[in-house]
N, C-alpha and C. Protein backbone atom coordinates (compact mmCIF):
# COMPACT_ATOMS: atom_id res chain seq x y z
N UNK A 1 80.38 96.36 76.20
CA UNK A 1 80.09 97.61 75.21
C UNK A 1 79.88 97.39 73.59
N UNK A 2 78.47 97.71 73.56
CA UNK A 2 77.88 97.53 72.14
C UNK A 2 77.93 95.94 71.70
N UNK A 3 77.43 95.42 72.39
CA UNK A 3 77.78 93.74 71.93
C UNK A 3 79.22 92.97 72.25
N UNK A 4 80.09 93.91 72.37
CA UNK A 4 81.56 93.28 72.60
C UNK A 4 82.09 93.40 73.89
N UNK A 5 82.98 92.48 74.34
CA UNK A 5 83.42 92.36 75.64
C UNK A 5 85.00 92.63 75.94
N UNK A 6 85.10 93.50 76.88
CA UNK A 6 86.32 93.90 76.67
C UNK A 6 86.89 93.47 78.56
N UNK A 7 87.89 93.16 78.78
CA UNK A 7 88.25 92.82 80.21
C UNK A 7 89.03 93.94 80.72
N UNK A 8 88.70 93.76 82.20
CA UNK A 8 89.28 94.87 83.15
C UNK A 8 89.84 93.95 84.26
N UNK A 9 91.00 94.64 85.15
CA UNK A 9 91.31 93.81 86.18
C UNK A 9 90.28 93.04 87.24
N UNK A 10 90.49 91.90 87.40
CA UNK A 10 89.60 90.78 88.14
C UNK A 10 89.15 91.81 89.49
N UNK A 11 90.02 92.53 90.26
CA UNK A 11 89.70 93.23 91.43
C UNK A 11 88.33 94.31 91.19
N UNK A 12 88.12 94.58 89.82
CA UNK A 12 87.10 95.43 89.77
C UNK A 12 85.64 94.89 89.44
N UNK A 13 85.70 93.38 89.54
CA UNK A 13 84.38 92.71 89.41
C UNK A 13 83.13 93.08 90.58
N UNK A 14 82.17 93.51 89.88
CA UNK A 14 81.11 93.96 90.48
C UNK A 14 81.16 95.70 90.66
N UNK A 15 82.11 96.14 90.07
CA UNK A 15 82.04 97.91 90.30
C UNK A 15 81.59 98.30 88.96
N UNK A 16 80.95 99.31 89.02
CA UNK A 16 80.39 100.30 87.92
C UNK A 16 81.55 101.22 87.47
N UNK A 17 82.01 101.04 86.25
CA UNK A 17 83.06 101.76 85.55
C UNK A 17 82.71 102.49 84.50
N UNK A 18 83.67 103.64 84.29
CA UNK A 18 83.12 104.65 83.17
C UNK A 18 83.92 104.29 82.12
N UNK A 19 83.29 104.39 80.90
CA UNK A 19 84.03 103.85 79.66
C UNK A 19 84.03 104.79 78.87
N UNK A 20 84.99 105.15 78.01
CA UNK A 20 85.45 106.45 77.20
C UNK A 20 85.69 105.51 75.76
N UNK A 21 84.75 105.79 74.84
CA UNK A 21 84.91 105.29 73.59
C UNK A 21 85.29 106.03 72.54
N UNK A 22 86.43 106.01 71.87
CA UNK A 22 86.68 106.50 70.81
C UNK A 22 86.67 105.69 69.37
N UNK A 23 87.10 106.43 68.36
CA UNK A 23 87.04 105.55 67.35
C UNK A 23 87.97 104.31 67.03
N UNK A 24 89.01 104.25 67.50
CA UNK A 24 89.70 103.23 67.39
C UNK A 24 90.03 102.56 68.98
N UNK A 25 89.49 103.21 69.59
CA UNK A 25 90.10 102.48 71.05
C UNK A 25 88.94 102.97 72.04
N UNK A 26 89.29 101.83 73.24
CA UNK A 26 88.43 102.18 74.39
C UNK A 26 89.06 102.27 75.64
N UNK A 27 88.88 103.12 76.65
CA UNK A 27 89.48 103.39 77.60
C UNK A 27 88.51 103.38 79.10
N UNK A 28 89.06 102.37 79.94
CA UNK A 28 88.10 102.36 81.05
C UNK A 28 88.49 102.84 82.26
N UNK A 29 87.79 103.47 82.99
CA UNK A 29 88.03 104.14 84.25
C UNK A 29 87.56 103.91 85.57
N UNK A 30 88.24 103.49 86.50
CA UNK A 30 87.40 103.41 87.72
C UNK A 30 87.66 104.65 88.62
N UNK A 31 87.08 105.40 89.26
CA UNK A 31 87.17 106.69 90.11
C UNK A 31 88.03 107.72 89.39
N UNK A 32 88.26 107.80 88.09
CA UNK A 32 88.98 108.65 87.47
C UNK A 32 90.21 108.10 86.74
N UNK A 33 90.76 106.95 87.59
CA UNK A 33 91.86 105.98 87.10
C UNK A 33 91.80 105.29 86.09
N UNK A 34 92.59 105.52 85.22
CA UNK A 34 92.64 104.58 84.17
C UNK A 34 92.93 103.01 84.27
N UNK A 35 92.09 102.19 84.05
CA UNK A 35 92.22 100.80 84.52
C UNK A 35 92.63 99.63 83.36
N UNK A 36 92.16 100.25 82.21
CA UNK A 36 92.09 99.40 81.03
C UNK A 36 92.17 100.35 79.82
N UNK A 37 92.91 99.76 78.77
CA UNK A 37 92.69 100.44 77.21
C UNK A 37 92.81 99.21 76.39
N UNK A 38 91.80 99.43 75.40
CA UNK A 38 91.71 98.27 74.44
C UNK A 38 91.60 98.94 73.00
N UNK A 39 92.08 98.09 72.02
CA UNK A 39 91.60 98.76 70.63
C UNK A 39 90.21 98.07 70.44
N UNK A 40 89.60 99.07 69.89
CA UNK A 40 88.15 98.70 69.74
C UNK A 40 88.03 97.75 68.72
N UNK A 41 86.78 97.10 68.96
CA UNK A 41 86.59 95.90 68.20
C UNK A 41 85.47 96.35 66.83
N UNK A 42 85.59 96.11 65.62
CA UNK A 42 84.43 96.50 64.82
C UNK A 42 83.67 95.55 64.40
N UNK A 43 83.73 94.54 65.01
CA UNK A 43 82.98 93.33 64.67
C UNK A 43 81.98 93.36 66.02
N UNK A 44 81.00 92.48 65.87
CA UNK A 44 79.88 92.24 66.84
C UNK A 44 80.07 90.80 67.82
N UNK A 45 79.83 90.85 68.87
CA UNK A 45 80.01 89.49 69.85
C UNK A 45 81.33 88.92 69.91
N UNK A 46 82.19 90.12 69.77
CA UNK A 46 83.62 89.63 70.01
C UNK A 46 84.27 90.01 71.32
N UNK A 47 85.19 89.66 71.74
CA UNK A 47 86.10 89.93 73.19
C UNK A 47 87.50 90.48 72.71
N UNK A 48 87.92 91.04 73.85
CA UNK A 48 89.44 91.59 73.78
C UNK A 48 89.54 91.38 75.07
N UNK A 49 90.51 90.34 75.38
CA UNK A 49 91.01 90.10 76.47
C UNK A 49 92.48 90.10 76.94
N UNK A 50 92.96 90.91 78.07
CA UNK A 50 94.35 91.05 78.28
C UNK A 50 94.52 90.10 79.58
N UNK A 51 95.59 89.53 79.16
CA UNK A 51 95.76 88.18 80.23
C UNK A 51 96.05 88.64 81.18
N UNK A 52 97.11 89.83 81.70
CA UNK A 52 97.06 90.40 82.81
C UNK A 52 96.16 90.79 83.78
N UNK A 53 95.04 91.10 83.14
CA UNK A 53 93.66 91.32 83.89
C UNK A 53 93.26 90.06 84.69
N UNK A 54 94.17 88.90 84.37
CA UNK A 54 93.21 87.55 85.13
C UNK A 54 94.26 87.18 86.02
N UNK A 55 95.38 87.64 86.23
CA UNK A 55 96.50 86.77 86.82
C UNK A 55 96.28 86.39 88.17
N UNK A 56 95.66 87.28 88.93
CA UNK A 56 95.23 87.12 90.26
C UNK A 56 94.24 85.93 90.74
N UNK A 57 93.42 85.87 89.56
CA UNK A 57 92.43 84.63 89.79
C UNK A 57 93.10 83.46 89.40
N UNK A 58 94.21 83.58 88.20
CA UNK A 58 94.65 82.32 87.47
C UNK A 58 95.76 81.57 88.43
N UNK A 59 96.64 82.59 89.61
CA UNK A 59 97.27 82.20 90.35
C UNK A 59 96.72 81.17 91.39
N UNK A 60 95.27 81.48 91.75
CA UNK A 60 94.68 80.46 92.89
C UNK A 60 94.20 79.60 91.98
N UNK A 61 93.84 79.33 90.75
CA UNK A 61 93.40 78.04 90.02
C UNK A 61 94.12 78.22 88.69
N UNK A 62 95.48 77.64 88.95
CA UNK A 62 96.33 77.35 87.80
C UNK A 62 95.93 76.30 86.67
N UNK A 63 94.88 75.71 86.96
CA UNK A 63 94.25 74.62 85.93
C UNK A 63 93.63 75.24 84.93
N UNK A 64 93.03 76.49 85.14
CA UNK A 64 92.18 77.30 84.23
C UNK A 64 93.06 78.16 83.06
N UNK A 65 94.73 77.97 83.57
CA UNK A 65 95.40 79.04 82.51
C UNK A 65 95.52 78.13 81.36
N UNK A 66 95.93 77.23 81.22
CA UNK A 66 96.24 76.61 79.68
C UNK A 66 95.21 76.71 78.80
N UNK A 67 93.98 76.68 79.00
CA UNK A 67 92.87 76.60 78.17
C UNK A 67 92.14 78.14 77.99
N UNK A 68 92.94 79.07 78.44
CA UNK A 68 92.15 80.32 78.58
C UNK A 68 91.97 81.19 77.38
N UNK A 69 91.18 81.81 76.98
CA UNK A 69 90.97 82.72 75.81
C UNK A 69 92.05 83.68 76.04
N UNK A 70 92.05 84.33 77.26
CA UNK A 70 92.91 85.44 77.37
C UNK A 70 94.50 84.96 77.22
N UNK A 71 95.00 83.46 77.43
CA UNK A 71 96.16 83.32 76.85
C UNK A 71 96.33 83.20 75.36
N UNK A 72 95.36 82.52 74.82
CA UNK A 72 95.30 82.51 73.54
C UNK A 72 95.59 83.82 72.57
N UNK A 73 94.69 84.96 73.00
CA UNK A 73 94.80 86.41 72.44
C UNK A 73 96.25 86.94 72.83
N UNK A 74 96.89 86.76 74.08
CA UNK A 74 98.51 86.95 74.30
C UNK A 74 99.32 86.31 73.43
N UNK A 75 99.01 85.21 73.07
CA UNK A 75 99.92 84.51 71.98
C UNK A 75 99.95 85.17 70.80
N UNK A 76 98.33 85.61 70.39
CA UNK A 76 98.23 86.00 69.09
C UNK A 76 98.88 87.48 68.89
N UNK A 77 98.77 88.23 70.07
CA UNK A 77 99.44 89.53 69.95
C UNK A 77 100.70 89.69 70.05
N UNK A 78 101.70 88.21 70.25
CA UNK A 78 102.95 88.51 70.83
C UNK A 78 103.41 88.61 71.71
N UNK A 79 102.55 88.90 72.96
CA UNK A 79 102.84 89.11 74.34
C UNK A 79 103.17 87.81 75.10
N UNK A 80 102.85 86.80 74.55
CA UNK A 80 102.90 85.52 75.34
C UNK A 80 103.78 84.66 74.33
N UNK A 81 105.25 84.79 74.19
CA UNK A 81 106.14 84.26 73.30
C UNK A 81 106.47 83.01 73.39
N UNK A 82 107.22 82.58 72.20
CA UNK A 82 107.73 80.91 72.24
C UNK A 82 108.60 80.83 73.30
N UNK A 83 109.47 81.86 74.08
CA UNK A 83 110.26 81.71 75.08
C UNK A 83 109.38 81.50 76.44
N UNK A 84 108.40 82.16 76.71
CA UNK A 84 107.35 81.85 77.59
C UNK A 84 107.05 80.23 77.71
N UNK A 85 106.65 80.11 76.34
CA UNK A 85 106.16 78.45 76.13
C UNK A 85 107.11 77.30 76.82
N UNK A 86 108.41 77.88 76.38
CA UNK A 86 109.76 77.01 76.40
C UNK A 86 109.79 76.88 77.90
N UNK A 87 110.00 77.84 78.74
CA UNK A 87 110.15 78.14 80.16
C UNK A 87 108.76 77.37 80.68
N UNK A 88 107.92 77.38 80.35
CA UNK A 88 106.77 76.90 80.99
C UNK A 88 106.66 75.40 80.85
N UNK A 89 107.23 74.70 79.87
CA UNK A 89 106.97 73.23 79.57
C UNK A 89 108.14 73.02 80.65
N UNK A 90 109.48 73.60 80.63
CA UNK A 90 110.53 73.18 81.60
C UNK A 90 109.89 73.06 82.74
N UNK A 91 109.37 74.04 83.55
CA UNK A 91 108.91 74.49 84.87
C UNK A 91 107.94 73.33 85.08
N UNK A 92 106.91 72.96 84.14
CA UNK A 92 106.16 71.81 84.59
C UNK A 92 106.61 70.55 84.62
N UNK A 93 107.78 70.37 83.63
CA UNK A 93 108.51 69.21 83.87
C UNK A 93 109.06 69.01 85.08
N UNK A 94 109.65 70.27 85.51
CA UNK A 94 110.48 70.09 87.05
C UNK A 94 109.67 70.00 88.07
N UNK A 95 108.53 70.88 88.21
CA UNK A 95 107.91 71.02 89.52
C UNK A 95 106.37 70.27 89.18
N UNK A 96 105.92 69.92 88.17
CA UNK A 96 104.62 69.29 87.99
C UNK A 96 103.71 70.29 87.68
N UNK A 97 102.53 70.11 86.80
CA UNK A 97 101.60 70.97 86.03
C UNK A 97 101.23 72.04 86.91
N UNK A 98 100.87 71.87 88.13
CA UNK A 98 100.41 72.95 89.04
C UNK A 98 101.33 73.95 89.15
N UNK A 99 102.38 73.47 90.08
CA UNK A 99 103.34 74.29 90.57
C UNK A 99 104.27 75.04 89.25
N UNK A 100 104.19 74.36 88.02
CA UNK A 100 104.89 74.87 87.25
C UNK A 100 104.53 76.20 86.46
N UNK A 101 103.09 75.74 86.49
CA UNK A 101 101.92 76.91 85.99
C UNK A 101 102.08 78.06 86.94
N UNK A 102 101.89 77.78 88.19
CA UNK A 102 101.91 78.97 89.09
C UNK A 102 103.45 79.95 89.02
N UNK A 103 104.32 79.09 88.82
CA UNK A 103 105.85 79.60 88.61
C UNK A 103 105.82 80.83 87.43
N UNK A 104 104.95 80.23 86.36
CA UNK A 104 104.85 81.12 85.16
C UNK A 104 104.09 82.26 85.40
N UNK A 105 102.97 82.03 86.24
CA UNK A 105 102.18 83.43 86.24
C UNK A 105 102.89 84.36 87.48
N UNK A 106 103.58 83.85 87.93
CA UNK A 106 104.64 84.67 88.95
C UNK A 106 105.57 85.58 88.08
N UNK A 107 105.93 84.72 87.09
CA UNK A 107 106.81 85.48 86.06
C UNK A 107 106.10 86.61 85.49
N UNK A 108 104.85 86.17 84.73
CA UNK A 108 103.86 87.03 84.25
C UNK A 108 103.68 88.24 85.14
N UNK A 109 103.47 88.07 86.57
CA UNK A 109 103.29 89.27 87.16
C UNK A 109 104.42 90.11 87.27
N UNK A 110 105.58 89.69 86.90
CA UNK A 110 106.75 90.65 87.00
C UNK A 110 106.58 91.52 85.81
N UNK A 111 105.88 91.26 84.88
CA UNK A 111 105.83 92.18 83.58
C UNK A 111 105.30 93.55 84.17
N UNK A 112 104.56 93.61 85.11
CA UNK A 112 103.79 94.65 85.55
C UNK A 112 104.66 95.94 85.81
N UNK A 113 106.13 95.19 86.31
CA UNK A 113 107.16 96.47 86.97
C UNK A 113 108.29 96.31 86.21
N UNK A 114 108.37 95.59 84.95
CA UNK A 114 109.61 95.08 84.26
C UNK A 114 109.36 95.30 82.91
N UNK A 115 110.48 95.96 82.37
CA UNK A 115 110.59 96.00 80.79
C UNK A 115 110.29 94.66 80.01
N UNK A 116 109.30 94.32 79.11
CA UNK A 116 109.02 93.22 78.53
C UNK A 116 110.09 92.56 77.75
N UNK A 117 110.69 93.50 76.92
CA UNK A 117 111.82 92.79 76.24
C UNK A 117 113.06 92.01 77.37
N UNK A 118 113.49 92.83 78.12
CA UNK A 118 114.32 92.56 79.43
C UNK A 118 113.97 91.45 80.08
N UNK A 119 112.55 91.26 80.33
CA UNK A 119 112.01 89.84 80.81
C UNK A 119 112.17 88.68 80.00
N UNK A 120 111.90 88.95 78.82
CA UNK A 120 111.58 87.68 77.74
C UNK A 120 113.26 87.11 77.67
N UNK A 121 114.33 88.25 77.34
CA UNK A 121 115.62 87.71 77.70
C UNK A 121 116.07 87.19 78.90
N UNK A 122 115.67 87.58 79.94
CA UNK A 122 115.85 86.82 80.87
C UNK A 122 115.31 85.67 81.31
N UNK A 123 113.99 85.54 80.84
CA UNK A 123 113.45 84.04 80.51
C UNK A 123 114.43 82.81 79.75
N UNK A 124 114.78 83.40 78.77
CA UNK A 124 115.53 82.74 77.85
C UNK A 124 116.99 82.34 78.47
N UNK A 125 117.75 83.30 79.25
CA UNK A 125 118.94 82.80 80.01
C UNK A 125 118.32 82.08 81.11
N UNK A 126 117.47 82.29 81.91
CA UNK A 126 117.11 81.14 82.73
C UNK A 126 116.76 80.01 82.08
N UNK A 127 116.17 79.89 81.24
CA UNK A 127 115.83 78.52 80.65
C UNK A 127 117.19 77.63 80.40
N UNK A 128 117.95 78.24 79.64
CA UNK A 128 119.33 77.54 79.20
C UNK A 128 119.87 76.99 80.28
N UNK A 129 119.75 77.89 81.60
CA UNK A 129 120.53 77.15 82.84
C UNK A 129 119.72 76.28 83.57
N UNK A 130 118.24 76.24 83.16
CA UNK A 130 117.61 75.27 84.13
C UNK A 130 117.19 76.05 85.21
N UNK A 131 116.97 77.43 85.58
CA UNK A 131 116.63 78.19 86.59
C UNK A 131 115.11 78.39 86.64
N UNK A 132 114.24 77.88 87.06
CA UNK A 132 112.89 77.68 86.82
C UNK A 132 112.08 78.15 88.01
N UNK A 133 112.57 79.32 88.53
CA UNK A 133 111.69 80.23 89.50
C UNK A 133 111.52 81.65 88.85
N UNK A 134 110.81 82.23 89.38
CA UNK A 134 110.44 83.69 89.16
C UNK A 134 111.45 84.54 89.50
N UNK A 135 112.17 84.08 90.93
CA UNK A 135 113.06 85.04 91.37
C UNK A 135 114.25 85.05 90.57
N UNK A 136 114.70 83.67 89.95
CA UNK A 136 115.84 83.56 88.89
C UNK A 136 115.58 84.66 87.42
N UNK A 137 114.44 84.68 87.13
CA UNK A 137 114.22 85.16 85.86
C UNK A 137 114.37 86.71 86.12
N UNK A 138 113.74 87.23 87.35
CA UNK A 138 113.98 88.61 87.54
C UNK A 138 115.13 88.92 87.81
N UNK A 139 116.06 88.15 88.23
CA UNK A 139 117.55 88.62 88.46
C UNK A 139 118.03 88.71 87.27
N UNK A 140 117.72 87.87 86.37
CA UNK A 140 118.64 87.76 85.15
C UNK A 140 118.06 88.86 84.31
N UNK A 141 116.69 89.34 84.45
CA UNK A 141 116.13 90.29 83.36
C UNK A 141 116.79 91.75 83.98
N UNK A 142 116.97 91.72 85.26
CA UNK A 142 117.68 93.11 85.72
C UNK A 142 119.02 93.14 85.29
N UNK A 143 119.76 91.99 85.51
CA UNK A 143 121.35 91.70 84.91
C UNK A 143 121.27 92.39 83.34
N UNK A 144 120.27 92.03 82.42
CA UNK A 144 120.36 92.36 81.20
C UNK A 144 120.17 93.83 81.30
N UNK A 145 119.21 94.43 81.73
CA UNK A 145 118.86 95.64 81.88
C UNK A 145 119.95 96.47 82.29
N UNK A 146 120.37 96.11 83.20
CA UNK A 146 121.80 97.11 83.73
C UNK A 146 122.87 96.80 82.70
N UNK A 147 123.18 95.93 82.05
CA UNK A 147 124.20 95.65 80.83
C UNK A 147 123.79 96.52 79.73
N UNK A 148 122.47 96.48 79.31
CA UNK A 148 122.17 97.64 77.88
C UNK A 148 121.97 98.67 78.71
N UNK A 149 121.93 99.27 79.98
CA UNK A 149 121.65 100.71 80.28
C UNK A 149 119.97 100.81 80.02
N UNK A 150 119.29 99.75 80.05
CA UNK A 150 117.72 100.04 80.24
C UNK A 150 117.17 100.08 81.56
N UNK A 151 116.20 101.12 81.50
CA UNK A 151 115.25 100.79 82.75
C UNK A 151 114.45 99.85 82.94
N UNK A 152 114.73 98.99 84.06
CA UNK A 152 114.07 97.68 84.02
C UNK A 152 112.46 97.75 84.11
N UNK A 153 112.24 98.83 84.63
CA UNK A 153 110.67 98.95 84.88
C UNK A 153 110.07 99.60 83.68
N UNK A 154 110.76 100.29 82.70
CA UNK A 154 110.26 100.73 81.46
C UNK A 154 109.39 99.82 80.63
N UNK A 155 108.08 100.41 80.45
CA UNK A 155 107.44 99.46 79.41
C UNK A 155 107.65 99.30 78.05
N UNK A 156 107.51 98.59 77.08
CA UNK A 156 107.93 98.06 76.25
C UNK A 156 106.55 98.25 75.15
N UNK A 157 106.57 99.15 74.13
CA UNK A 157 105.52 99.16 73.54
C UNK A 157 105.04 97.88 72.71
N UNK A 158 106.09 97.15 72.12
CA UNK A 158 105.75 96.08 71.51
C UNK A 158 106.94 95.09 71.72
N UNK A 159 106.62 93.83 71.74
CA UNK A 159 107.62 92.61 71.82
C UNK A 159 108.24 92.54 70.57
N UNK A 160 109.70 92.24 70.64
CA UNK A 160 110.33 92.09 69.59
C UNK A 160 111.35 90.80 70.08
N UNK A 161 111.73 89.92 68.95
CA UNK A 161 112.40 88.75 69.55
C UNK A 161 113.63 88.73 69.92
N UNK A 162 113.83 87.81 70.82
CA UNK A 162 115.47 87.90 71.84
C UNK A 162 116.30 87.59 70.96
N UNK A 163 117.45 88.59 70.61
CA UNK A 163 118.42 88.19 69.98
C UNK A 163 119.10 86.94 70.25
N UNK A 164 119.57 86.28 69.11
CA UNK A 164 120.57 84.95 69.25
C UNK A 164 121.69 85.35 70.34
N UNK A 165 121.98 84.33 71.16
CA UNK A 165 122.92 84.27 71.98
C UNK A 165 122.98 85.34 72.91
N UNK A 166 121.52 85.91 73.38
CA UNK A 166 121.58 86.98 74.19
C UNK A 166 121.78 86.44 75.70
N UNK A 167 123.04 86.83 76.38
CA UNK A 167 123.30 86.34 77.66
C UNK A 167 123.71 85.08 77.66
N UNK A 168 124.38 84.74 78.32
CA UNK A 168 125.14 83.37 78.93
C UNK A 168 124.39 82.59 79.70
N UNK A 169 124.36 81.20 79.63
CA UNK A 169 123.72 80.28 80.28
C UNK A 169 123.86 80.00 81.57
N UNK A 170 124.10 81.30 82.35
CA UNK A 170 124.45 81.31 83.99
C UNK A 170 123.68 82.10 84.43
N UNK A 171 123.53 81.51 85.86
CA UNK A 171 122.14 82.28 86.51
C UNK A 171 123.00 82.66 87.81
N UNK A 172 122.59 83.75 88.42
CA UNK A 172 123.06 83.92 90.05
C UNK A 172 121.54 84.00 90.78
N UNK A 173 121.78 82.93 91.48
CA UNK A 173 120.46 82.53 92.32
C UNK A 173 120.46 84.01 93.57
N UNK A 174 119.09 83.90 93.89
CA UNK A 174 118.75 85.20 94.63
C UNK A 174 119.56 84.92 95.90
N UNK A 175 119.58 83.96 96.48
CA UNK A 175 120.22 84.10 97.64
C UNK A 175 121.68 84.48 97.69
N UNK A 176 122.50 83.84 96.49
CA UNK A 176 123.80 84.22 96.50
C UNK A 176 124.08 85.58 96.31
N UNK A 177 122.94 86.07 95.35
CA UNK A 177 122.96 87.56 95.23
C UNK A 177 123.34 88.33 96.37
N UNK A 178 122.10 88.15 97.31
CA UNK A 178 121.95 88.90 98.55
C UNK A 178 123.16 88.65 99.26
N UNK A 179 123.81 87.56 99.45
CA UNK A 179 125.03 87.36 100.25
C UNK A 179 126.23 88.15 99.58
N UNK A 180 126.32 88.21 98.27
CA UNK A 180 127.34 88.90 97.62
C UNK A 180 127.16 90.40 98.01
N UNK A 181 125.97 90.71 98.09
CA UNK A 181 125.86 92.18 98.33
C UNK A 181 125.48 92.80 99.52
N UNK A 182 125.99 91.82 100.71
CA UNK A 182 126.19 92.52 102.09
C UNK A 182 127.25 93.29 101.91
N UNK A 183 126.86 94.40 102.93
CA UNK A 183 128.07 95.47 103.31
C UNK A 183 129.24 94.66 103.96
N UNK A 184 130.48 95.08 104.01
CA UNK A 184 131.47 94.65 104.51
C UNK A 184 131.42 94.43 106.08
N UNK A 185 132.11 93.57 106.59
CA UNK A 185 131.86 93.50 108.17
C UNK A 185 133.20 93.89 108.67
N UNK A 186 133.25 94.93 109.31
CA UNK A 186 134.46 95.50 109.70
C UNK A 186 134.78 95.49 111.42
N UNK A 187 133.76 94.68 111.83
CA UNK A 187 134.06 94.52 113.28
C UNK A 187 135.28 93.84 113.67
N UNK A 188 135.78 93.81 114.83
CA UNK A 188 136.89 93.08 115.20
C UNK A 188 136.85 91.63 115.43
N UNK A 189 137.74 90.90 115.12
CA UNK A 189 137.58 89.51 115.45
C UNK A 189 137.23 89.28 117.12
N UNK A 190 136.22 88.36 117.24
CA UNK A 190 135.77 87.98 118.62
C UNK A 190 137.00 87.70 119.63
N UNK A 191 137.20 87.81 120.93
CA UNK A 191 138.20 87.50 121.75
C UNK A 191 137.88 86.08 122.44
N UNK A 192 138.58 85.38 122.90
CA UNK A 192 138.41 84.12 123.73
C UNK A 192 138.99 84.19 125.06
N UNK A 193 139.24 85.63 125.52
CA UNK A 193 140.19 85.88 126.71
C UNK A 193 138.68 85.33 127.99
N UNK A 194 137.67 85.70 127.93
CA UNK A 194 136.89 85.69 128.85
C UNK A 194 136.45 84.01 129.14
N UNK A 195 136.72 83.36 128.11
CA UNK A 195 136.67 81.75 128.47
C UNK A 195 137.90 81.30 129.01
N UNK A 196 138.98 81.78 128.71
CA UNK A 196 140.20 81.22 129.18
C UNK A 196 140.27 81.52 130.67
N UNK A 197 139.73 82.88 131.06
CA UNK A 197 139.17 83.12 132.48
C UNK A 197 138.70 82.05 133.25
N UNK A 198 137.36 81.66 132.34
CA UNK A 198 136.24 80.82 133.11
C UNK A 198 136.96 79.54 133.27
N UNK A 199 138.10 79.11 132.42
CA UNK A 199 138.66 77.70 132.47
C UNK A 199 139.56 77.84 133.62
N UNK A 200 140.33 78.87 134.15
CA UNK A 200 141.36 79.20 134.99
C UNK A 200 140.51 78.82 136.37
N UNK A 201 139.33 79.52 136.13
CA UNK A 201 138.45 79.48 137.89
C UNK A 201 138.07 78.05 137.91
N UNK A 202 137.84 77.47 137.07
CA UNK A 202 137.16 76.11 137.06
C UNK A 202 138.39 75.14 137.48
N UNK A 203 139.37 75.39 136.91
CA UNK A 203 140.16 74.60 137.54
C UNK A 203 141.32 75.10 138.53
N UNK A 204 140.74 75.93 139.34
CA UNK A 204 141.29 76.57 140.42
C UNK A 204 142.53 77.45 140.33
N UNK A 205 142.43 78.46 139.14
CA UNK A 205 143.29 79.23 138.86
C UNK A 205 144.47 78.78 137.93
N UNK A 206 144.60 77.73 137.80
CA UNK A 206 145.84 77.03 137.22
C UNK A 206 145.52 77.32 135.60
N UNK A 207 146.50 77.69 135.03
CA UNK A 207 146.52 77.98 133.40
C UNK A 207 146.35 76.96 132.81
N UNK A 208 145.21 77.05 131.82
CA UNK A 208 144.81 75.89 130.70
C UNK A 208 146.11 75.51 130.00
N UNK A 209 146.51 74.18 129.76
CA UNK A 209 147.64 73.97 129.12
C UNK A 209 147.23 74.16 127.54
N UNK A 210 148.20 74.11 126.78
CA UNK A 210 148.17 74.25 125.44
C UNK A 210 147.08 73.45 124.42
N UNK A 211 146.16 74.10 123.83
CA UNK A 211 145.02 73.50 122.95
C UNK A 211 143.85 73.19 123.85
N UNK A 212 143.83 73.69 125.04
CA UNK A 212 142.51 73.51 126.04
C UNK A 212 141.77 74.81 125.87
N UNK A 213 142.32 76.09 125.82
CA UNK A 213 141.64 77.42 125.68
C UNK A 213 141.13 77.49 124.21
N UNK A 214 140.16 76.96 123.90
CA UNK A 214 139.69 76.92 122.41
C UNK A 214 138.19 77.30 122.58
């Protein structure tokens, strides 16, 4: 757009899009739906790249993630925080570079449906507990949102530092959480009477001695 480059989601590669240019921002539409919004660049030959636009491609090629321009711009904008970097370092140390980076990208994908501040706070709690999966981060973020009365899916206009001491270094893992939220089992205890009858028939109708009908 006028010698500058602005990103759109990778799923739109090859499509013709409509661009509405205002004095201070640029909005991109696909079939009437807004798909990207950028602060307009006043220089020439610049780029404005949103990291979220590339995540589907980067999760397939995680090796391209560390040196990407979109990542550097996300750091500069404060969307990719030191907490992200620390969790990423720990995930790579635990799972290897490829799988650790894929785990981080899965966390970044959560930001499409979760409040940014709660997600960063969840990352911090998960990091202190050594919980290095996207599931663990999502669960901690929702716990923090619930305790604050925050809508976990509400967008945050700008990132803020995570308050010191936010949350305790304990993590409820997803399998345990699911088990603890199962409805109570009200069924009666099973009866072994039918097995006793089978034993009696096999022994010619005799009553099994104590300890045999188990």
